[in-house]
Amino acid sequence: MFLQHLLSLLSVDNLLVLLAYAVLGFAYLVLVPLGLYFWMNKRWYVMGKLERTGVYGLVFLFFPGLILFAPFLNLRMAGHGEG
């Protein structure tokens, strides 16, 4: 009931702006950082200088989202096994 009353007070334009903020925030904090993590994990040892510079720039740009996932992702290389 409260939510329906609240939505009736907002115009369609305001709802579209809120939706745009939500979509951009989700992309900035979740989608791009996860894609960047997996890109770095896949290409770390074969990147060229320009690609590595670009990735470092993206890390700087998307740092808040990368920090959110840092405690949960383990991107270390697998060991060589028992010798």
N, C-alpha and C. Protein backbone atom coordinates (compact mmCIF):
# COMPACT_ATOMS: atom_id res chain seq x y z
N MET A 1 0.82 -1.18 0.00
CA MET A 1 0.00 0.00 0.00
C MET A 1 0.88 1.26 0.00
N PHE A 2 1.88 1.28 0.88
CA PHE A 2 2.79 2.44 0.95
C PHE A 2 3.57 2.59 -0.34
N LEU A 3 4.04 1.46 -0.89
CA LEU A 3 4.81 1.51 -2.14
C LEU A 3 3.96 2.01 -3.29
N GLN A 4 2.71 1.58 -3.34
CA GLN A 4 1.81 2.03 -4.40
C GLN A 4 1.55 3.53 -4.27
N HIS A 5 1.40 4.01 -3.07
CA HIS A 5 1.19 5.45 -2.85
C HIS A 5 2.44 6.24 -3.24
N LEU A 6 3.60 5.70 -2.89
CA LEU A 6 4.86 6.36 -3.23
C LEU A 6 5.05 6.43 -4.74
N LEU A 7 4.74 5.33 -5.43
CA LEU A 7 4.89 5.31 -6.89
C LEU A 7 3.90 6.24 -7.58
N SER A 8 2.73 6.43 -6.97
CA SER A 8 1.76 7.34 -7.58
C SER A 8 2.22 8.80 -7.47
N LEU A 9 3.07 9.10 -6.49
CA LEU A 9 3.58 10.46 -6.34
C LEU A 9 4.68 10.79 -7.34
N LEU A 10 5.37 9.77 -7.84
CA LEU A 10 6.47 9.99 -8.78
C LEU A 10 5.96 10.00 -10.21
N SER A 11 6.52 10.87 -11.00
CA SER A 11 6.14 10.91 -12.42
C SER A 11 6.94 9.85 -13.18
N VAL A 12 6.53 9.62 -14.40
CA VAL A 12 7.22 8.64 -15.25
C VAL A 12 8.66 9.08 -15.50
N ASP A 13 8.86 10.37 -15.69
CA ASP A 13 10.22 10.87 -15.91
C ASP A 13 11.13 10.59 -14.72
N ASN A 14 10.61 10.79 -13.52
CA ASN A 14 11.40 10.52 -12.32
C ASN A 14 11.72 9.04 -12.19
N LEU A 15 10.75 8.19 -12.52
CA LEU A 15 11.00 6.75 -12.46
C LEU A 15 12.06 6.33 -13.48
N LEU A 16 12.03 6.93 -14.67
CA LEU A 16 13.03 6.62 -15.68
C LEU A 16 14.43 7.06 -15.23
N VAL A 17 14.52 8.20 -14.58
CA VAL A 17 15.81 8.67 -14.07
C VAL A 17 16.32 7.73 -12.98
N LEU A 18 15.44 7.30 -12.07
CA LEU A 18 15.84 6.36 -11.02
C LEU A 18 16.28 5.02 -11.62
N LEU A 19 15.57 4.56 -12.64
CA LEU A 19 15.95 3.33 -13.32
C LEU A 19 17.31 3.47 -14.01
N ALA A 20 17.55 4.61 -14.63
CA ALA A 20 18.83 4.84 -15.30
C ALA A 20 19.97 4.85 -14.28
N TYR A 21 19.75 5.49 -13.12
CA TYR A 21 20.76 5.47 -12.06
C TYR A 21 21.03 4.05 -11.57
N ALA A 22 19.98 3.27 -11.41
CA ALA A 22 20.14 1.90 -10.94
C ALA A 22 20.92 1.05 -11.95
N VAL A 23 20.60 1.19 -13.22
CA VAL A 23 21.28 0.41 -14.27
C VAL A 23 22.75 0.82 -14.36
N LEU A 24 23.02 2.12 -14.37
CA LEU A 24 24.41 2.58 -14.45
C LEU A 24 25.20 2.21 -13.20
N GLY A 25 24.58 2.31 -12.04
CA GLY A 25 25.25 1.91 -10.80
C GLY A 25 25.57 0.43 -10.78
N PHE A 26 24.63 -0.40 -11.26
CA PHE A 26 24.87 -1.84 -11.32
C PHE A 26 26.00 -2.16 -12.29
N ALA A 27 26.02 -1.49 -13.43
CA ALA A 27 27.09 -1.72 -14.40
C ALA A 27 28.43 -1.27 -13.83
N TYR A 28 28.46 -0.12 -13.15
CA TYR A 28 29.71 0.42 -12.62
C TYR A 28 30.24 -0.41 -11.46
N LEU A 29 29.37 -0.89 -10.60
CA LEU A 29 29.82 -1.60 -9.40
C LEU A 29 29.86 -3.11 -9.54
N VAL A 30 29.19 -3.68 -10.57
CA VAL A 30 29.13 -5.14 -10.66
C VAL A 30 29.61 -5.66 -12.02
N LEU A 31 28.97 -5.26 -13.09
CA LEU A 31 29.25 -5.87 -14.39
C LEU A 31 30.66 -5.60 -14.90
N VAL A 32 31.04 -4.36 -14.99
CA VAL A 32 32.36 -4.03 -15.54
C VAL A 32 33.49 -4.55 -14.63
N PRO A 33 33.41 -4.38 -13.30
CA PRO A 33 34.49 -4.92 -12.46
C PRO A 33 34.65 -6.44 -12.57
N LEU A 34 33.56 -7.18 -12.63
CA LEU A 34 33.68 -8.63 -12.79
C LEU A 34 34.29 -8.99 -14.14
N GLY A 35 33.86 -8.31 -15.18
CA GLY A 35 34.47 -8.54 -16.49
C GLY A 35 35.94 -8.20 -16.51
N LEU A 36 36.31 -7.13 -15.82
CA LEU A 36 37.71 -6.72 -15.75
C LEU A 36 38.54 -7.73 -14.97
N TYR A 37 38.01 -8.23 -13.86
CA TYR A 37 38.71 -9.28 -13.10
C TYR A 37 38.99 -10.49 -13.97
N PHE A 38 37.99 -10.96 -14.69
CA PHE A 38 38.18 -12.17 -15.48
C PHE A 38 39.04 -11.91 -16.71
N TRP A 39 39.00 -10.71 -17.26
CA TRP A 39 39.89 -10.36 -18.36
C TRP A 39 41.36 -10.37 -17.88
N MET A 40 41.59 -9.76 -16.72
CA MET A 40 42.96 -9.73 -16.19
C MET A 40 43.44 -11.14 -15.86
N ASN A 41 42.58 -11.98 -15.30
CA ASN A 41 42.96 -13.33 -14.95
C ASN A 41 43.34 -14.15 -16.19
N LYS A 42 42.62 -13.93 -17.28
CA LYS A 42 42.86 -14.69 -18.50
C LYS A 42 44.10 -14.20 -19.25
N ARG A 43 44.35 -12.89 -19.27
CA ARG A 43 45.37 -12.31 -20.13
C ARG A 43 46.61 -11.80 -19.41
N TRP A 44 46.75 -12.02 -18.09
CA TRP A 44 47.79 -11.36 -17.30
C TRP A 44 49.19 -11.59 -17.85
N TYR A 45 49.52 -12.80 -18.24
CA TYR A 45 50.90 -13.12 -18.66
C TYR A 45 51.14 -12.94 -20.15
N VAL A 46 50.14 -12.57 -20.92
CA VAL A 46 50.34 -12.39 -22.36
C VAL A 46 50.01 -10.98 -22.84
N MET A 47 49.69 -10.07 -21.91
CA MET A 47 49.36 -8.69 -22.29
C MET A 47 50.57 -7.95 -22.83
N GLY A 48 50.31 -7.11 -23.81
CA GLY A 48 51.34 -6.19 -24.28
C GLY A 48 51.35 -4.94 -23.42
N LYS A 49 52.28 -4.04 -23.75
CA LYS A 49 52.41 -2.81 -22.95
C LYS A 49 51.17 -1.94 -23.02
N LEU A 50 50.63 -1.76 -24.21
CA LEU A 50 49.46 -0.89 -24.36
C LEU A 50 48.22 -1.48 -23.70
N GLU A 51 48.04 -2.79 -23.85
CA GLU A 51 46.90 -3.44 -23.22
C GLU A 51 47.00 -3.35 -21.69
N ARG A 52 48.19 -3.57 -21.17
CA ARG A 52 48.39 -3.49 -19.72
C ARG A 52 48.15 -2.07 -19.20
N THR A 53 48.59 -1.08 -19.96
CA THR A 53 48.35 0.32 -19.58
C THR A 53 46.85 0.61 -19.58
N GLY A 54 46.14 0.12 -20.57
CA GLY A 54 44.69 0.30 -20.63
C GLY A 54 43.97 -0.38 -19.48
N VAL A 55 44.41 -1.59 -19.14
CA VAL A 55 43.81 -2.32 -18.02
C VAL A 55 44.07 -1.58 -16.72
N TYR A 56 45.28 -1.06 -16.53
CA TYR A 56 45.56 -0.29 -15.31
C TYR A 56 44.68 0.95 -15.23
N GLY A 57 44.43 1.59 -16.36
CA GLY A 57 43.52 2.74 -16.37
C GLY A 57 42.11 2.33 -15.99
N LEU A 58 41.64 1.17 -16.49
CA LEU A 58 40.31 0.70 -16.13
C LEU A 58 40.23 0.30 -14.66
N VAL A 59 41.31 -0.25 -14.13
CA VAL A 59 41.34 -0.57 -12.69
C VAL A 59 41.20 0.71 -11.88
N PHE A 60 41.87 1.75 -12.28
CA PHE A 60 41.75 3.03 -11.58
C PHE A 60 40.32 3.56 -11.68
N LEU A 61 39.71 3.44 -12.86
CA LEU A 61 38.37 3.97 -13.09
C LEU A 61 37.30 3.19 -12.33
N PHE A 62 37.43 1.87 -12.27
CA PHE A 62 36.41 1.02 -11.65
C PHE A 62 36.85 0.47 -10.30
N PHE A 63 37.72 1.19 -9.62
CA PHE A 63 38.26 0.74 -8.33
C PHE A 63 37.18 0.43 -7.29
N PRO A 64 36.13 1.24 -7.12
CA PRO A 64 35.13 0.90 -6.09
C PRO A 64 34.48 -0.46 -6.30
N GLY A 65 34.16 -0.80 -7.54
CA GLY A 65 33.57 -2.11 -7.81
C GLY A 65 34.56 -3.24 -7.62
N LEU A 66 35.83 -2.99 -7.97
CA LEU A 66 36.85 -4.03 -7.79
C LEU A 66 37.07 -4.32 -6.31
N ILE A 67 37.02 -3.30 -5.49
CA ILE A 67 37.18 -3.48 -4.05
C ILE A 67 36.04 -4.31 -3.47
N LEU A 68 34.83 -4.15 -4.01
CA LEU A 68 33.70 -4.92 -3.52
C LEU A 68 33.90 -6.42 -3.70
N PHE A 69 34.53 -6.84 -4.80
CA PHE A 69 34.69 -8.26 -5.09
C PHE A 69 36.03 -8.83 -4.65
N ALA A 70 36.97 -7.99 -4.26
CA ALA A 70 38.32 -8.45 -3.92
C ALA A 70 38.33 -9.52 -2.82
N PRO A 71 37.54 -9.42 -1.77
CA PRO A 71 37.62 -10.45 -0.73
C PRO A 71 37.08 -11.81 -1.18
N PHE A 72 36.31 -11.86 -2.25
CA PHE A 72 35.64 -13.10 -2.64
C PHE A 72 36.29 -13.81 -3.81
N LEU A 73 37.22 -13.16 -4.50
CA LEU A 73 37.84 -13.77 -5.68
C LEU A 73 39.28 -14.14 -5.39
N ASN A 74 39.64 -15.34 -5.80
CA ASN A 74 41.02 -15.81 -5.66
C ASN A 74 41.55 -16.03 -7.06
N LEU A 75 42.41 -15.15 -7.52
CA LEU A 75 42.91 -15.22 -8.89
C LEU A 75 44.36 -15.69 -8.95
N ARG A 76 44.83 -16.33 -7.90
CA ARG A 76 46.20 -16.82 -7.92
C ARG A 76 46.33 -18.01 -8.88
N MET A 77 47.52 -18.16 -9.41
CA MET A 77 47.79 -19.28 -10.31
C MET A 77 47.73 -20.59 -9.54
N ALA A 78 47.31 -21.64 -10.22
CA ALA A 78 47.30 -22.97 -9.60
C ALA A 78 48.74 -23.45 -9.45
N GLY A 79 48.99 -24.20 -8.41
CA GLY A 79 50.34 -24.71 -8.18
C GLY A 79 50.73 -25.78 -9.19
N HIS A 80 51.98 -26.20 -9.12
CA HIS A 80 52.47 -27.21 -10.06
C HIS A 80 52.14 -28.62 -9.61
N GLY A 81 51.52 -28.76 -8.49
CA GLY A 81 51.14 -30.08 -7.99
C GLY A 81 52.28 -30.71 -7.21
N GLU A 82 52.09 -31.93 -6.85
CA GLU A 82 53.12 -32.67 -6.11
C GLU A 82 54.24 -33.05 -7.05
N GLY A 83 55.45 -32.74 -6.63
CA GLY A 83 56.63 -32.92 -7.45
C GLY A 83 57.02 -34.33 -7.61
